[in-house]
Amino acid sequence: MADSGSKAIRESQLERKQVELAIPALMKHTDQKKGKQLHLLSDHDTILLILSLKKIPNPDKKPRKILLPHSLYSDDVEVCLFTKEESSKAKEMLKAKGVNVKKVVSLTKLRKNYHSFEAKRQLCSLYDVFVCDEAIYHFLPRLLGKTFYSRKKFPVPVDLKKTNLNKELDKVLHCSLLSLGHGPCSALKVAHTGQSVEEAVENVVAAVSEIARIVPRGWNNIQSLNLKTTDSISLPIYTSLPEKSLALETSEPPKKKKKKA
């Protein structure tokens, strides 16, 4: 019974109403900024969830996948895959599994053709999503650099040996990435202003629920949660209350000294 009560308390930390107030405000800000011009998908503003922790956990070797009920991408999303194998061999494997991606770049070609900052910047801008063979993920931070990190387009590691690889890629298109242990604050994409308010709210609520599950110590370690677009102020949706001092609650009032006769 105690566990059920604790679980209910943890799940009630985020008030959905706060999210339902923040999302429309951010979307209104975007509309005012862009005026009445027609938006393309690429012009939609990303909505970021800013997570602030009380205690920094040990760094993750790979980013955590945070599944979202509503994909951040359109049906014609263009995917680029980084592989350990040469591009031609990787393409044959993808064809055999019925997988279609826009671009395949081998690790060898990545080192040879994309070593300059400008080449990396252009590559980053050409595709919507980047995935990689999980076997080479540890090479990519150094090879791709800050360009991919700053745009929140770092490759998602996948197991290319999976039989149903299309299912694995579909999970990637329905997730956001969270990297823990690199500082007290983390930012992850949870929605965009081209979605409906309800879709964006559902994505935020689902993301927060998953984050509270995987963060060490759960809600006890979450200092605050904020939502913002790339150029808006942060809107708070959760702030941890100060912990009560048990010493004050349990301390007894000082005893009065007896007067000497």
Protein backbone atom coordinates (compact mmCIF):
# COMPACT_ATOMS: atom_id res chain seq x y z
CA MET A 1 0.00 0.00 0.00
CA ALA A 2 2.86 2.37 0.83
CA ASP A 3 4.37 1.87 -2.63
CA SER A 4 1.08 2.75 -4.33
CA GLY A 5 0.81 5.94 -2.32
CA SER A 6 4.38 6.95 -3.12
CA LYS A 7 3.77 6.27 -6.81
CA ALA A 8 0.68 8.46 -6.82
CA ILE A 9 2.64 11.28 -5.22
CA ARG A 10 5.41 11.00 -7.81
CA GLU A 11 2.98 11.02 -10.73
CA SER A 12 1.16 14.09 -9.41
CA GLN A 13 4.28 16.29 -9.26
CA LEU A 14 3.59 17.80 -12.70
CA GLU A 15 0.28 19.61 -13.01
CA ARG A 16 -1.03 19.20 -16.55
CA LYS A 17 -2.75 22.58 -16.24
CA GLN A 18 0.65 24.31 -16.14
CA VAL A 19 1.57 22.70 -19.46
CA GLU A 20 -1.81 23.63 -20.94
CA LEU A 21 -1.11 27.27 -20.06
CA ALA A 22 2.51 27.31 -21.28
CA ILE A 23 2.05 25.70 -24.72
CA PRO A 24 -0.50 28.21 -26.10
CA ALA A 25 1.61 31.08 -24.76
CA LEU A 26 4.67 29.82 -26.65
CA MET A 27 2.66 29.28 -29.83
CA LYS A 28 1.20 32.79 -29.58
CA HIS A 29 4.72 34.18 -29.18
CA THR A 30 5.79 32.40 -32.39
CA ASP A 31 2.76 33.64 -34.34
CA GLN A 32 3.40 37.23 -33.24
CA LYS A 33 7.04 36.95 -34.20
CA LYS A 34 6.39 35.53 -37.67
CA GLY A 35 3.20 37.42 -38.38
CA LYS A 36 0.70 35.94 -40.80
CA GLN A 37 3.24 34.46 -43.23
CA LEU A 38 2.69 30.87 -44.33
CA HIS A 39 4.77 28.46 -42.25
CA LEU A 40 6.67 25.57 -43.74
CA LEU A 41 7.45 22.60 -41.49
CA SER A 42 11.09 23.65 -41.38
CA ASP A 43 9.95 27.08 -40.15
CA HIS A 44 8.12 25.73 -37.14
CA ASP A 45 9.75 26.62 -33.85
CA THR A 46 10.98 23.79 -31.70
CA ILE A 47 9.57 23.61 -28.17
CA LEU A 48 12.26 22.59 -25.71
CA LEU A 49 11.89 21.07 -22.26
CA ILE A 50 14.60 22.37 -19.93
CA LEU A 51 15.37 19.93 -17.13
CA SER A 52 17.29 21.14 -14.07
CA LEU A 53 18.59 18.57 -11.58
CA LYS A 54 19.61 18.98 -7.96
CA LYS A 55 22.43 16.42 -8.20
CA ILE A 56 24.28 15.61 -11.42
CA PRO A 57 24.25 11.84 -12.14
CA ASN A 58 27.09 9.90 -13.73
CA PRO A 59 27.39 10.72 -17.46
CA ASP A 60 25.49 8.51 -19.91
CA LYS A 61 27.57 6.77 -22.55
CA LYS A 62 24.64 7.07 -24.97
CA PRO A 63 21.64 9.43 -24.98
CA ARG A 64 18.38 8.13 -23.53
CA LYS A 65 15.46 7.78 -25.95
CA ILE A 66 12.37 9.58 -24.65
CA LEU A 67 9.35 8.24 -26.56
CA LEU A 68 6.72 10.77 -27.63
CA PRO A 69 3.13 9.97 -28.63
CA HIS A 70 3.28 12.43 -31.55
CA SER A 71 6.26 12.48 -33.91
CA LEU A 72 8.15 15.72 -34.40
CA TYR A 73 8.58 14.92 -38.11
CA SER A 74 6.39 14.87 -41.21
CA ASP A 75 5.71 11.78 -43.34
CA ASP A 76 8.33 12.86 -45.90
CA VAL A 77 11.10 13.11 -43.28
CA GLU A 78 14.62 12.65 -44.71
CA VAL A 79 16.95 10.38 -42.74
CA CYS A 80 20.74 10.13 -42.95
CA LEU A 81 22.47 7.00 -41.64
CA PHE A 82 26.09 6.74 -40.47
CA THR A 83 27.47 3.20 -40.75
CA LYS A 84 30.56 1.21 -39.93
CA GLU A 85 30.36 -0.61 -43.25
CA GLU A 86 31.08 0.95 -46.62
CA SER A 87 28.06 2.76 -48.09
CA SER A 88 27.42 0.25 -50.88
CA LYS A 89 27.39 -2.73 -48.49
CA ALA A 90 25.16 -0.86 -46.03
CA LYS A 91 22.71 0.03 -48.80
CA GLU A 92 22.44 -3.64 -49.78
CA MET A 93 21.65 -4.55 -46.17
CA LEU A 94 19.00 -1.83 -45.94
CA LYS A 95 17.41 -2.93 -49.21
CA ALA A 96 17.27 -6.55 -48.01
CA LYS A 97 15.40 -5.40 -44.89
CA GLY A 98 13.06 -3.12 -46.82
CA VAL A 99 14.44 0.05 -45.24
CA ASN A 100 14.56 3.32 -47.13
CA VAL A 101 16.78 6.20 -45.99
CA LYS A 102 17.76 9.28 -47.95
CA LYS A 103 21.52 9.13 -47.38
CA VAL A 104 24.09 6.61 -46.15
CA VAL A 105 27.52 7.85 -45.02
CA SER A 106 30.23 5.41 -43.98
CA LEU A 107 32.62 6.21 -41.16
CA THR A 108 35.45 6.34 -43.71
CA LYS A 109 33.63 8.89 -45.89
CA LEU A 110 32.64 10.93 -42.85
CA ARG A 111 36.30 11.30 -41.88
CA LYS A 112 37.42 12.02 -45.43
CA ASN A 113 34.69 14.26 -46.83
CA TYR A 114 33.28 16.05 -43.80
CA HIS A 115 36.29 17.16 -41.77
CA SER A 116 35.80 20.93 -42.25
CA PHE A 117 33.33 22.98 -40.22
CA GLU A 118 31.51 24.15 -43.36
CA ALA A 119 31.09 20.58 -44.64
CA LYS A 120 29.65 19.49 -41.29
CA ARG A 121 27.31 22.49 -41.21
CA GLN A 122 25.98 21.72 -44.70
CA LEU A 123 25.50 18.03 -43.88
CA CYS A 124 23.61 18.95 -40.70
CA SER A 125 21.23 21.22 -42.62
CA LEU A 126 20.47 18.73 -45.42
CA TYR A 127 18.58 16.08 -43.41
CA ASP A 128 15.89 16.08 -40.76
CA VAL A 129 17.10 13.13 -38.69
CA PHE A 130 20.44 11.41 -38.25
CA VAL A 131 20.85 7.85 -37.03
CA CYS A 132 23.94 5.70 -36.67
CA ASP A 133 25.05 2.14 -36.12
CA GLU A 134 25.36 1.90 -32.34
CA ALA A 135 28.76 0.24 -32.84
CA ILE A 136 30.28 3.54 -34.02
CA TYR A 137 28.38 5.97 -31.81
CA HIS A 138 31.41 6.66 -29.58
CA PHE A 139 33.38 7.97 -32.60
CA LEU A 140 30.79 10.55 -33.64
CA PRO A 141 31.00 13.26 -30.94
CA ARG A 142 34.56 14.08 -32.02
CA LEU A 143 33.90 13.69 -35.77
CA LEU A 144 30.69 15.75 -35.93
CA GLY A 145 31.51 18.35 -33.31
CA LYS A 146 29.42 21.18 -31.90
CA THR A 147 27.44 21.83 -35.09
CA PHE A 148 25.21 18.82 -34.54
CA TYR A 149 25.00 19.30 -30.78
CA SER A 150 23.96 22.95 -30.95
CA ARG A 151 21.15 22.15 -33.41
CA LYS A 152 19.94 19.17 -31.36
CA LYS A 153 20.46 16.90 -34.38
CA PHE A 154 22.98 14.48 -32.99
CA PRO A 155 22.67 10.91 -34.40
CA VAL A 156 20.46 8.42 -32.59
CA PRO A 157 22.19 5.04 -32.11
CA VAL A 158 20.28 2.02 -33.45
CA ASP A 159 20.99 -1.68 -33.65
CA LEU A 160 21.30 -2.38 -37.37
CA LYS A 161 21.25 -6.12 -36.70
CA LYS A 162 17.58 -5.99 -35.71
CA THR A 163 15.36 -8.00 -38.04
CA ASN A 164 12.60 -5.38 -38.08
CA LEU A 165 14.78 -2.36 -38.68
CA ASN A 166 11.84 -0.28 -39.92
CA LYS A 167 10.30 -0.59 -36.46
CA GLU A 168 13.54 0.62 -34.86
CA LEU A 169 13.67 3.64 -37.16
CA ASP A 170 10.02 4.42 -36.46
CA LYS A 171 10.89 4.55 -32.74
CA VAL A 172 13.60 7.08 -33.55
CA LEU A 173 11.05 9.28 -35.33
CA HIS A 174 8.84 9.14 -32.23
CA CYS A 175 11.47 10.00 -29.68
CA SER A 176 13.61 12.79 -28.33
CA LEU A 177 17.08 12.43 -26.84
CA LEU A 178 18.16 13.16 -23.29
CA SER A 179 21.81 13.16 -22.22
CA LEU A 180 22.38 13.11 -18.47
CA GLY A 181 25.51 13.79 -16.47
CA HIS A 182 27.00 16.66 -18.49
CA GLY A 183 25.79 19.44 -16.21
CA PRO A 184 22.82 20.33 -13.99
CA CYS A 185 20.62 21.34 -16.95
CA SER A 186 19.55 19.41 -20.05
CA ALA A 187 17.39 20.46 -22.99
CA LEU A 188 15.40 18.15 -25.23
CA LYS A 189 12.93 18.62 -28.07
CA VAL A 190 9.40 17.71 -27.03
CA ALA A 191 7.14 19.43 -29.56
CA HIS A 192 6.97 22.12 -32.25
CA THR A 193 4.64 25.00 -33.01
CA GLY A 194 3.22 23.24 -36.08
CA GLN A 195 1.50 20.69 -33.85
CA SER A 196 -1.88 21.21 -32.23
CA VAL A 197 -1.92 22.40 -28.63
CA GLU A 198 -3.26 19.02 -27.49
CA GLU A 199 -0.51 17.10 -29.33
CA ALA A 200 2.20 19.32 -27.85
CA VAL A 201 0.73 19.01 -24.34
CA GLU A 202 0.55 15.21 -24.61
CA ASN A 203 4.18 15.08 -25.77
CA VAL A 204 5.34 17.20 -22.82
CA VAL A 205 3.39 15.16 -20.25
CA ALA A 206 4.68 11.87 -21.71
CA ALA A 207 8.28 13.15 -21.80
CA VAL A 208 8.17 14.35 -18.20
CA SER A 209 6.72 11.02 -17.05
CA GLU A 210 9.56 9.12 -18.75
CA ILE A 211 12.23 11.51 -17.45
CA ALA A 212 11.00 11.14 -13.87
CA ARG A 213 11.31 7.37 -14.32
CA ILE A 214 14.89 7.30 -15.62
CA VAL A 215 16.50 10.16 -13.67
CA PRO A 216 18.33 8.82 -10.60
CA ARG A 217 16.14 9.45 -7.51
CA GLY A 218 13.27 10.49 -9.78
CA TRP A 219 11.22 13.51 -8.69
CA ASN A 220 13.39 13.93 -5.61
CA ASN A 221 16.25 14.95 -7.93
CA ILE A 222 14.29 17.27 -10.25
CA GLN A 223 14.77 20.93 -9.33
CA SER A 224 12.67 22.47 -12.09
CA LEU A 225 11.08 21.96 -15.52
CA ASN A 226 10.65 24.79 -18.02
CA LEU A 227 9.35 25.10 -21.58
CA LYS A 228 10.68 27.50 -24.21
CA THR A 229 11.13 27.95 -27.94
CA THR A 230 14.52 28.76 -29.44
CA ASP A 231 14.08 32.51 -28.85
CA SER A 232 11.45 32.84 -26.11
CA ILE A 233 11.75 33.18 -22.37
CA SER A 234 11.43 30.02 -20.27
CA LEU A 235 8.01 29.29 -18.85
CA PRO A 236 8.06 27.22 -15.64
CA ILE A 237 5.80 24.16 -15.44
CA TYR A 238 7.31 22.63 -12.30
CA THR A 239 9.52 23.85 -9.45
CA SER A 240 10.58 21.71 -6.52
CA LEU A 241 9.36 22.93 -3.18
CA PRO A 242 11.95 23.44 -0.41
CA GLU A 243 12.35 20.32 1.66
CA LYS A 244 10.93 20.63 5.14
CA SER A 245 13.35 20.44 8.00
CA LEU A 246 12.56 17.36 10.03
CA ALA A 247 14.66 18.77 12.83
CA LEU A 248 12.27 21.68 13.24
CA GLU A 249 9.23 19.42 13.11
CA THR A 250 10.47 16.91 15.67
CA SER A 251 12.41 19.14 18.01
CA GLU A 252 10.93 19.63 21.45
CA PRO A 253 10.57 23.10 22.98
CA PRO A 254 13.40 23.98 25.34
CA LYS A 255 12.72 23.03 28.95
CA LYS A 256 12.41 25.86 31.40
CA LYS A 257 15.00 25.91 34.09
CA LYS A 258 13.66 25.50 37.59
CA LYS A 259 14.27 28.43 39.86
CA LYS A 260 16.43 27.68 42.84
CA ALA A 261 14.71 28.05 46.19
